[in-house]
C-alpha atoms as a PDB file:
ATOM      1  CA  MET A   1       0.000   0.000   0.000  1.00  0.00           C
ATOM      2  CA  TYR A   2       1.092   3.547  -0.661  1.00  0.00           C
ATOM      3  CA  SER A   3       1.325   6.146   2.030  1.00  0.00           C
ATOM      4  CA  GLY A   4      -0.140   9.470   0.910  1.00  0.00           C
ATOM      5  CA  LYS A   5       3.211  11.088   0.182  1.00  0.00           C
ATOM      6  CA  ASP A   6       4.543   8.167  -1.889  1.00  0.00           C
ATOM      7  CA  GLY A   7       1.307   8.004  -3.875  1.00  0.00           C
ATOM      8  CA  LEU A   8       1.497  11.717  -4.562  1.00  0.00           C
ATOM      9  CA  ARG A   9       5.121  11.441  -5.643  1.00  0.00           C
ATOM     10  CA  PHE A  10       4.233   8.591  -8.008  1.00  0.00           C
ATOM     11  CA  GLU A  11       1.425  10.724  -9.455  1.00  0.00           C
ATOM     12  CA  CYS A  12       3.850  13.609 -10.006  1.00  0.00           C
ATOM     13  CA  ASP A  13       6.341  11.296 -11.722  1.00  0.00           C
ATOM     14  CA  VAL A  14       3.634  10.111 -14.127  1.00  0.00           C
ATOM     15  CA  VAL A  15       2.585  13.691 -14.910  1.00  0.00           C
ATOM     16  CA  MET A  16       6.196  14.799 -15.398  1.00  0.00           C
ATOM     17  CA  THR A  17       6.843  11.856 -17.711  1.00  0.00           C
ATOM     18  CA  LYS A  18       3.811  12.809 -19.828  1.00  0.00           C
ATOM     19  CA  TRP A  19       4.990  16.433 -20.072  1.00  0.00           C
ATOM     20  CA  LEU A  20       8.529  15.291 -20.880  1.00  0.00           C
ATOM     21  CA  ARG A  21       7.259  13.084 -23.713  1.00  0.00           C
ATOM     22  CA  LEU A  22       5.082  15.925 -25.002  1.00  0.00           C
ATOM     23  CA  CYS A  23       8.029  18.345 -24.983  1.00  0.00           C
ATOM     24  CA  VAL A  24      10.271  15.834 -26.750  1.00  0.00           C
ATOM     25  CA  GLY A  25       7.582  15.208 -29.358  1.00  0.00           C
ATOM     26  CA  ILE A  26       7.127  18.935 -29.986  1.00  0.00           C
ATOM     27  CA  SER A  27      10.900  19.397 -30.245  1.00  0.00           C
ATOM     28  CA  LEU A  28      11.195  16.599 -32.803  1.00  0.00           C
ATOM     29  CA  LEU A  29       8.305  18.037 -34.817  1.00  0.00           C
ATOM     30  CA  ALA A  30       9.899  21.484 -34.766  1.00  0.00           C
ATOM     31  CA  LEU A  31      13.234  20.038 -35.888  1.00  0.00           C
ATOM     32  CA  SER A  32      11.609  18.152 -38.758  1.00  0.00           C
ATOM     33  CA  PHE A  33       9.566  21.176 -39.884  1.00  0.00           C
ATOM     34  CA  THR A  34      12.409  23.724 -39.704  1.00  0.00           C
ATOM     35  CA  PRO A  35      14.071  22.692 -43.012  1.00  0.00           C
ATOM     36  CA  LEU A  36      10.681  22.791 -44.753  1.00  0.00           C
ATOM     37  CA  ILE A  37       9.952  26.280 -43.416  1.00  0.00           C
ATOM     38  CA  LEU A  38      13.433  27.521 -44.333  1.00  0.00           C
ATOM     39  CA  GLY A  39      13.022  26.060 -47.811  1.00  0.00           C
ATOM     40  CA  LEU A  40       9.685  27.837 -48.259  1.00  0.00           C
ATOM     41  CA  VAL A  41      11.183  31.119 -47.060  1.00  0.00           C
ATOM     42  CA  GLU A  42      14.017  30.808 -49.586  1.00  0.00           C
ATOM     43  CA  ILE A  43      11.602  29.966 -52.414  1.00  0.00           C
ATOM     44  CA  LEU A  44       9.126  32.729 -51.542  1.00  0.00           C
ATOM     45  CA  GLY A  45      11.791  35.274 -50.568  1.00  0.00           C
END
C-alpha cells in the first residue's frame, strides 16, 4: 500500500513523464519542420 506522500510522488512522476514526452515530441516536430519552413522562405523570398 502507498502512504499518501509516496502516492502523490508517483502521481507527479507520471505527470512529469507525460509532459517530458510531449516536450520531446514537440521538439522533434519542430526540428523536422524547420528545413521545410526555411526552404519555403528561400523559395518565396
